[in-house]
């Protein structure tokens, strides 16, 4: 469970960093930073989503193992 929690937080952090890069790119009119930030943000969303799915899967398995 610790690894999925850590993976969720890594995804959230990646989303935050990506959003900051994107905002910086908008402020400086640098499309490269905007694009890079959006990519990082989306990867973070994906990482968090995978961790949540894995966590739900682990809980389901635990419930089925315990009678």
PDB file of N, CA and C in Angstrom:
ATOM      1  N   UNK A   1       0.818  -1.198   0.000  1.00  0.00           N
ATOM      2  CA  UNK A   1       0.000   0.000   0.000  1.00  0.00           C
ATOM      3  C   UNK A   1       0.858   1.257   0.000  1.00  0.00           C
ATOM      4  N   UNK A   2       2.021   1.191   0.640  1.00  0.00           N
ATOM      5  CA  UNK A   2       2.882   2.357   0.699  1.00  0.00           C
ATOM      6  C   UNK A   2       3.311   2.788  -0.696  1.00  0.00           C
ATOM      7  N   UNK A   3       3.599   1.827  -1.544  1.00  0.00           N
ATOM      8  CA  UNK A   3       4.065   2.186  -2.884  1.00  0.00           C
ATOM      9  C   UNK A   3       2.973   2.885  -3.690  1.00  0.00           C
ATOM     10  N   UNK A   4       1.710   2.475  -3.535  1.00  0.00           N
ATOM     11  CA  UNK A   4       0.647   3.150  -4.276  1.00  0.00           C
ATOM     12  C   UNK A   4       0.407   4.551  -3.735  1.00  0.00           C
ATOM     13  N   UNK A   5       0.519   4.717  -2.425  1.00  0.00           N
ATOM     14  CA  UNK A   5       0.366   6.053  -1.846  1.00  0.00           C
ATOM     15  C   UNK A   5       1.483   6.967  -2.330  1.00  0.00           C
ATOM     16  N   UNK A   6       2.690   6.441  -2.339  1.00  0.00           N
ATOM     17  CA  UNK A   6       3.827   7.214  -2.816  1.00  0.00           C
ATOM     18  C   UNK A   6       3.658   7.551  -4.296  1.00  0.00           C
ATOM     19  N   UNK A   7       3.180   6.603  -5.064  1.00  0.00           N
ATOM     20  CA  UNK A   7       2.974   6.824  -6.490  1.00  0.00           C
ATOM     21  C   UNK A   7       1.898   7.898  -6.732  1.00  0.00           C
ATOM     22  N   UNK A   8       0.842   7.881  -5.908  1.00  0.00           N
ATOM     23  CA  UNK A   8      -0.184   8.922  -6.026  1.00  0.00           C
ATOM     24  C   UNK A   8       0.403  10.296  -5.740  1.00  0.00           C
ATOM     25  N   UNK A   9       1.217  10.406  -4.698  1.00  0.00           N
ATOM     26  CA  UNK A   9       1.809  11.701  -4.349  1.00  0.00           C
ATOM     27  C   UNK A   9       2.807  12.159  -5.400  1.00  0.00           C
ATOM     28  N   UNK A  10       3.542  11.210  -5.983  1.00  0.00           N
ATOM     29  CA  UNK A  10       4.455  11.574  -7.068  1.00  0.00           C
ATOM     30  C   UNK A  10       3.670  12.126  -8.249  1.00  0.00           C
ATOM     31  N   UNK A  11       2.540  11.504  -8.549  1.00  0.00           N
ATOM     32  CA  UNK A  11       1.693  11.989  -9.636  1.00  0.00           C
ATOM     33  C   UNK A  11       1.157  13.377  -9.358  1.00  0.00           C
ATOM     34  N   UNK A  12       0.747  13.618  -8.134  1.00  0.00           N
ATOM     35  CA  UNK A  12       0.235  14.945  -7.759  1.00  0.00           C
ATOM     36  C   UNK A  12       1.333  16.003  -7.845  1.00  0.00           C
ATOM     37  N   UNK A  13       2.535  15.637  -7.397  1.00  0.00           N
ATOM     38  CA  UNK A  13       3.655  16.564  -7.477  1.00  0.00           C
ATOM     39  C   UNK A  13       3.993  16.866  -8.938  1.00  0.00           C
ATOM     40  N   UNK A  14       3.989  15.847  -9.760  1.00  0.00           N
ATOM     41  CA  UNK A  14       4.271  16.035 -11.183  1.00  0.00           C
ATOM     42  C   UNK A  14       3.222  16.938 -11.837  1.00  0.00           C
ATOM     43  N   UNK A  15       1.982  16.804 -11.416  1.00  0.00           N
ATOM     44  CA  UNK A  15       0.928  17.682 -11.925  1.00  0.00           C
ATOM     45  C   UNK A  15       1.191  19.135 -11.523  1.00  0.00           C
ATOM     46  N   UNK A  16       1.593  19.329 -10.285  1.00  0.00           N
ATOM     47  CA  UNK A  16       1.874  20.674  -9.790  1.00  0.00           C
ATOM     48  C   UNK A  16       3.041  21.306 -10.544  1.00  0.00           C
ATOM     49  N   UNK A  17       4.128  20.552 -10.695  1.00  0.00           N
ATOM     50  CA  UNK A  17       5.299  21.064 -11.406  1.00  0.00           C
ATOM     51  C   UNK A  17       4.929  21.393 -12.852  1.00  0.00           C
ATOM     52  N   UNK A  18       4.145  20.515 -13.464  1.00  0.00           N
ATOM     53  CA  UNK A  18       3.721  20.757 -14.833  1.00  0.00           C
ATOM     54  C   UNK A  18       2.871  22.008 -14.961  1.00  0.00           C
ATOM     55  N   UNK A  19       1.997  22.215 -14.008  1.00  0.00           N
ATOM     56  CA  UNK A  19       1.136  23.405 -14.046  1.00  0.00           C
ATOM     57  C   UNK A  19       1.967  24.683 -13.874  1.00  0.00           C
ATOM     58  N   UNK A  20       2.957  24.634 -12.978  1.00  0.00           N
ATOM     59  CA  UNK A  20       3.822  25.792 -12.777  1.00  0.00           C
ATOM     60  C   UNK A  20       4.609  26.093 -14.052  1.00  0.00           C
ATOM     61  N   UNK A  21       5.146  25.057 -14.695  1.00  0.00           N
ATOM     62  CA  UNK A  21       5.867  25.259 -15.954  1.00  0.00           C
ATOM     63  C   UNK A  21       4.960  25.856 -17.010  1.00  0.00           C
ATOM     64  N   UNK A  22       3.752  25.356 -17.085  1.00  0.00           N
ATOM     65  CA  UNK A  22       2.804  25.847 -18.071  1.00  0.00           C
ATOM     66  C   UNK A  22       2.481  27.330 -17.835  1.00  0.00           C
ATOM     67  N   UNK A  23       2.260  27.689 -16.592  1.00  0.00           N
ATOM     68  CA  UNK A  23       1.975  29.096 -16.258  1.00  0.00           C
ATOM     69  C   UNK A  23       3.183  29.966 -16.574  1.00  0.00           C
ATOM     70  N   UNK A  24       4.375  29.489 -16.230  1.00  0.00           N
ATOM     71  CA  UNK A  24       5.588  30.229 -16.543  1.00  0.00           C
ATOM     72  C   UNK A  24       5.712  30.437 -18.052  1.00  0.00           C
ATOM     73  N   UNK A  25       5.408  29.404 -18.815  1.00  0.00           N
ATOM     74  CA  UNK A  25       5.458  29.515 -20.265  1.00  0.00           C
ATOM     75  C   UNK A  25       4.463  30.532 -20.804  1.00  0.00           C
ATOM     76  N   UNK A  26       3.280  30.571 -20.200  1.00  0.00           N
ATOM     77  CA  UNK A  26       2.281  31.553 -20.618  1.00  0.00           C
ATOM     78  C   UNK A  26       2.733  32.980 -20.279  1.00  0.00           C
ATOM     79  N   UNK A  27       3.328  33.142 -19.106  1.00  0.00           N
ATOM     80  CA  UNK A  27       3.780  34.462 -18.690  1.00  0.00           C
ATOM     81  C   UNK A  27       4.941  34.975 -19.552  1.00  0.00           C
ATOM     82  N   UNK A  28       5.821  34.068 -19.949  1.00  0.00           N
ATOM     83  CA  UNK A  28       6.995  34.468 -20.732  1.00  0.00           C
ATOM     84  C   UNK A  28       6.764  34.316 -22.233  1.00  0.00           C
ATOM     85  N   UNK A  29       5.560  33.892 -22.611  1.00  0.00           N
ATOM     86  CA  UNK A  29       5.213  33.673 -24.016  1.00  0.00           C
ATOM     87  C   UNK A  29       6.154  32.648 -24.666  1.00  0.00           C
ATOM     88  N   UNK A  30       6.443  31.588 -23.915  1.00  0.00           N
ATOM     89  CA  UNK A  30       7.323  30.525 -24.378  1.00  0.00           C
ATOM     90  C   UNK A  30       6.479  29.261 -24.566  1.00  0.00           C
ATOM     91  N   UNK A  31       6.165  28.943 -25.814  1.00  0.00           N
ATOM     92  CA  UNK A  31       5.298  27.789 -26.094  1.00  0.00           C
ATOM     93  C   UNK A  31       5.931  26.471 -25.673  1.00  0.00           C
ATOM     94  N   UNK A  32       7.264  26.414 -25.684  1.00  0.00           N
ATOM     95  CA  UNK A  32       7.946  25.175 -25.291  1.00  0.00           C
ATOM     96  C   UNK A  32       7.627  24.826 -23.840  1.00  0.00           C
ATOM     97  N   UNK A  33       7.694  25.821 -22.949  1.00  0.00           N
ATOM     98  CA  UNK A  33       7.377  25.573 -21.536  1.00  0.00           C
ATOM     99  C   UNK A  33       5.900  25.225 -21.343  1.00  0.00           C
ATOM    100  N   UNK A  34       5.038  25.861 -22.105  1.00  0.00           N
ATOM    101  CA  UNK A  34       3.611  25.552 -22.001  1.00  0.00           C
ATOM    102  C   UNK A  34       3.379  24.095 -22.382  1.00  0.00           C
ATOM    103  N   UNK A  35       3.947  23.680 -23.504  1.00  0.00           N
ATOM    104  CA  UNK A  35       3.781  22.308 -23.979  1.00  0.00           C
ATOM    105  C   UNK A  35       4.394  21.313 -22.998  1.00  0.00           C
ATOM    106  N   UNK A  36       5.620  21.590 -22.560  1.00  0.00           N
ATOM    107  CA  UNK A  36       6.300  20.698 -21.624  1.00  0.00           C
ATOM    108  C   UNK A  36       5.527  20.587 -20.314  1.00  0.00           C
ATOM    109  N   UNK A  37       5.015  21.702 -19.831  1.00  0.00           N
ATOM    110  CA  UNK A  37       4.246  21.698 -18.592  1.00  0.00           C
ATOM    111  C   UNK A  37       2.965  20.904 -18.718  1.00  0.00           C
ATOM    112  N   UNK A  38       2.265  21.067 -19.841  1.00  0.00           N
ATOM    113  CA  UNK A  38       1.027  20.310 -20.050  1.00  0.00           C
ATOM    114  C   UNK A  38       1.303  18.812 -20.145  1.00  0.00           C
ATOM    115  N   UNK A  39       2.402  18.450 -20.800  1.00  0.00           N
ATOM    116  CA  UNK A  39       2.770  17.030 -20.888  1.00  0.00           C
ATOM    117  C   UNK A  39       3.060  16.457 -19.504  1.00  0.00           C
ATOM    118  N   UNK A  40       3.814  17.195 -18.710  1.00  0.00           N
ATOM    119  CA  UNK A  40       4.127  16.736 -17.348  1.00  0.00           C
ATOM    120  C   UNK A  40       2.868  16.627 -16.503  1.00  0.00           C
ATOM    121  N   UNK A  41       1.992  17.610 -16.629  1.00  0.00           N
ATOM    122  CA  UNK A  41       0.748  17.594 -15.854  1.00  0.00           C
ATOM    123  C   UNK A  41      -0.083  16.363 -16.213  1.00  0.00           C
ATOM    124  N   UNK A  42      -0.192  16.079 -17.493  1.00  0.00           N
ATOM    125  CA  UNK A  42      -0.983  14.920 -17.926  1.00  0.00           C
ATOM    126  C   UNK A  42      -0.342  13.610 -17.511  1.00  0.00           C
ATOM    127  N   UNK A  43       0.989  13.546 -17.549  1.00  0.00           N
ATOM    128  CA  UNK A  43       1.670  12.334 -17.086  1.00  0.00           C
ATOM    129  C   UNK A  43       1.427  12.138 -15.588  1.00  0.00           C
ATOM    130  N   UNK A  44       1.420  13.222 -14.842  1.00  0.00           N
ATOM    131  CA  UNK A  44       1.133  13.138 -13.412  1.00  0.00           C
ATOM    132  C   UNK A  44      -0.286  12.659 -13.148  1.00  0.00           C
ATOM    133  N   UNK A  45      -1.225  13.149 -13.954  1.00  0.00           N
ATOM    134  CA  UNK A  45      -2.610  12.696 -13.822  1.00  0.00           C
ATOM    135  C   UNK A  45      -2.707  11.201 -14.109  1.00  0.00           C
ATOM    136  N   UNK A  46      -1.984  10.760 -15.119  1.00  0.00           N
ATOM    137  CA  UNK A  46      -1.994   9.337 -15.478  1.00  0.00           C
ATOM    138  C   UNK A  46      -1.370   8.504 -14.357  1.00  0.00           C
ATOM    139  N   UNK A  47      -0.250   8.967 -13.817  1.00  0.00           N
ATOM    140  CA  UNK A  47       0.426   8.236 -12.744  1.00  0.00           C
ATOM    141  C   UNK A  47      -0.480   8.121 -11.513  1.00  0.00           C
ATOM    142  N   UNK A  48      -1.167   9.212 -11.176  1.00  0.00           N
ATOM    143  CA  UNK A  48      -2.077   9.190 -10.036  1.00  0.00           C
ATOM    144  C   UNK A  48      -3.253   8.249 -10.288  1.00  0.00           C
ATOM    145  N   UNK A  49      -3.776   8.269 -11.499  1.00  0.00           N
ATOM    146  CA  UNK A  49      -4.899   7.402 -11.853  1.00  0.00           C
ATOM    147  C   UNK A  49      -4.518   5.928 -11.778  1.00  0.00           C
ATOM    148  N   UNK A  50      -3.337   5.600 -12.273  1.00  0.00           N
ATOM    149  CA  UNK A  50      -2.864   4.213 -12.218  1.00  0.00           C
ATOM    150  C   UNK A  50      -2.706   3.766 -10.770  1.00  0.00           C
ATOM    151  N   UNK A  51      -2.167   4.632  -9.935  1.00  0.00           N
ATOM    152  CA  UNK A  51      -1.983   4.292  -8.523  1.00  0.00           C
ATOM    153  C   UNK A  51      -3.326   4.067  -7.830  1.00  0.00           C
ATOM    154  N   UNK A  52      -4.314   4.911  -8.143  1.00  0.00           N
ATOM    155  CA  UNK A  52      -5.640   4.728  -7.544  1.00  0.00           C
ATOM    156  C   UNK A  52      -6.260   3.410  -7.984  1.00  0.00           C
ATOM    157  N   UNK A  53      -6.123   3.081  -9.259  1.00  0.00           N
ATOM    158  CA  UNK A  53      -6.665   1.824  -9.766  1.00  0.00           C
ATOM    159  C   UNK A  53      -5.983   0.635  -9.110  1.00  0.00           C
ATOM    160  N   UNK A  54      -4.673   0.720  -8.963  1.00  0.00           N
ATOM    161  CA  UNK A  54      -3.929  -0.354  -8.323  1.00  0.00           C
ATOM    162  C   UNK A  54      -4.340  -0.507  -6.864  1.00  0.00           C
ATOM    163  N   UNK A  55      -4.548   0.607  -6.194  1.00  0.00           N
ATOM    164  CA  UNK A  55      -4.977   0.574  -4.799  1.00  0.00           C
ATOM    165  C   UNK A  55      -6.363  -0.083  -4.669  1.00  0.00           C
ATOM    166  N   UNK A  56      -7.272   0.270  -5.570  1.00  0.00           N
ATOM    167  CA  UNK A  56      -8.599  -0.347  -5.553  1.00  0.00           C
ATOM    168  C   UNK A  56      -8.504  -1.846  -5.825  1.00  0.00           C
ATOM    169  N   UNK A  57      -7.640  -2.226  -6.748  1.00  0.00           N
ATOM    170  CA  UNK A  57      -7.434  -3.641  -7.060  1.00  0.00           C
ATOM    171  C   UNK A  57      -6.911  -4.389  -5.843  1.00  0.00           C
ATOM    172  N   UNK A  58      -5.934  -3.811  -5.150  1.00  0.00           N
ATOM    173  CA  UNK A  58      -5.382  -4.446  -3.950  1.00  0.00           C
ATOM    174  C   UNK A  58      -6.446  -4.602  -2.867  1.00  0.00           C
ATOM    175  N   UNK A  59      -7.295  -3.590  -2.689  1.00  0.00           N
ATOM    176  CA  UNK A  59      -8.360  -3.681  -1.693  1.00  0.00           C
ATOM    177  C   UNK A  59      -9.357  -4.768  -2.057  1.00  0.00           C
ATOM    178  N   UNK A  60      -9.682  -4.886  -3.324  1.00  0.00           N
ATOM    179  CA  UNK A  60     -10.605  -5.920  -3.784  1.00  0.00           C
ATOM    180  C   UNK A  60     -10.029  -7.302  -3.516  1.00  0.00           C
ATOM    181  N   UNK A  61      -8.774  -7.486  -3.808  1.00  0.00           N
ATOM    182  CA  UNK A  61      -8.117  -8.779  -3.568  1.00  0.00           C
ATOM    183  C   UNK A  61      -8.113  -9.089  -2.074  1.00  0.00           C
ATOM    184  N   UNK A  62      -7.801  -8.101  -1.247  1.00  0.00           N
ATOM    185  CA  UNK A  62      -7.787  -8.324   0.206  1.00  0.00           C
ATOM    186  C   UNK A  62      -9.167  -8.719   0.712  1.00  0.00           C
ATOM    187  N   UNK A  63     -10.219  -8.057   0.198  1.00  0.00           N
ATOM    188  CA  UNK A  63     -11.573  -8.401   0.640  1.00  0.00           C
ATOM    189  C   UNK A  63     -11.950  -9.822   0.249  1.00  0.00           C
ATOM    190  N   UNK A  64     -11.519 -10.256  -0.908  1.00  0.00           N
ATOM    191  CA  UNK A  64     -11.859 -11.603  -1.373  1.00  0.00           C
ATOM    192  C   UNK A  64     -11.046 -12.684  -0.682  1.00  0.00           C
ATOM    193  N   UNK A  65      -9.861 -12.319  -0.200  1.00  0.00           N
ATOM    194  CA  UNK A  65      -9.010 -13.304   0.479  1.00  0.00           C
ATOM    195  C   UNK A  65      -9.494 -13.563   1.898  1.00  0.00           C
ATOM    196  N   UNK A  66     -10.089 -12.549   2.523  1.00  0.00           N
ATOM    197  CA  UNK A  66     -10.560 -12.683   3.892  1.00  0.00           C
ATOM    198  C   UNK A  66     -12.038 -13.070   3.862  1.00  0.00           C
ATOM    199  N   UNK A  67     -12.375 -14.253   4.388  1.00  0.00           N
ATOM    200  CA  UNK A  67     -13.782 -14.713   4.358  1.00  0.00           C
ATOM    201  C   UNK A  67     -14.676 -13.952   5.300  1.00  0.00           C
TER     202      UNK A  67
END
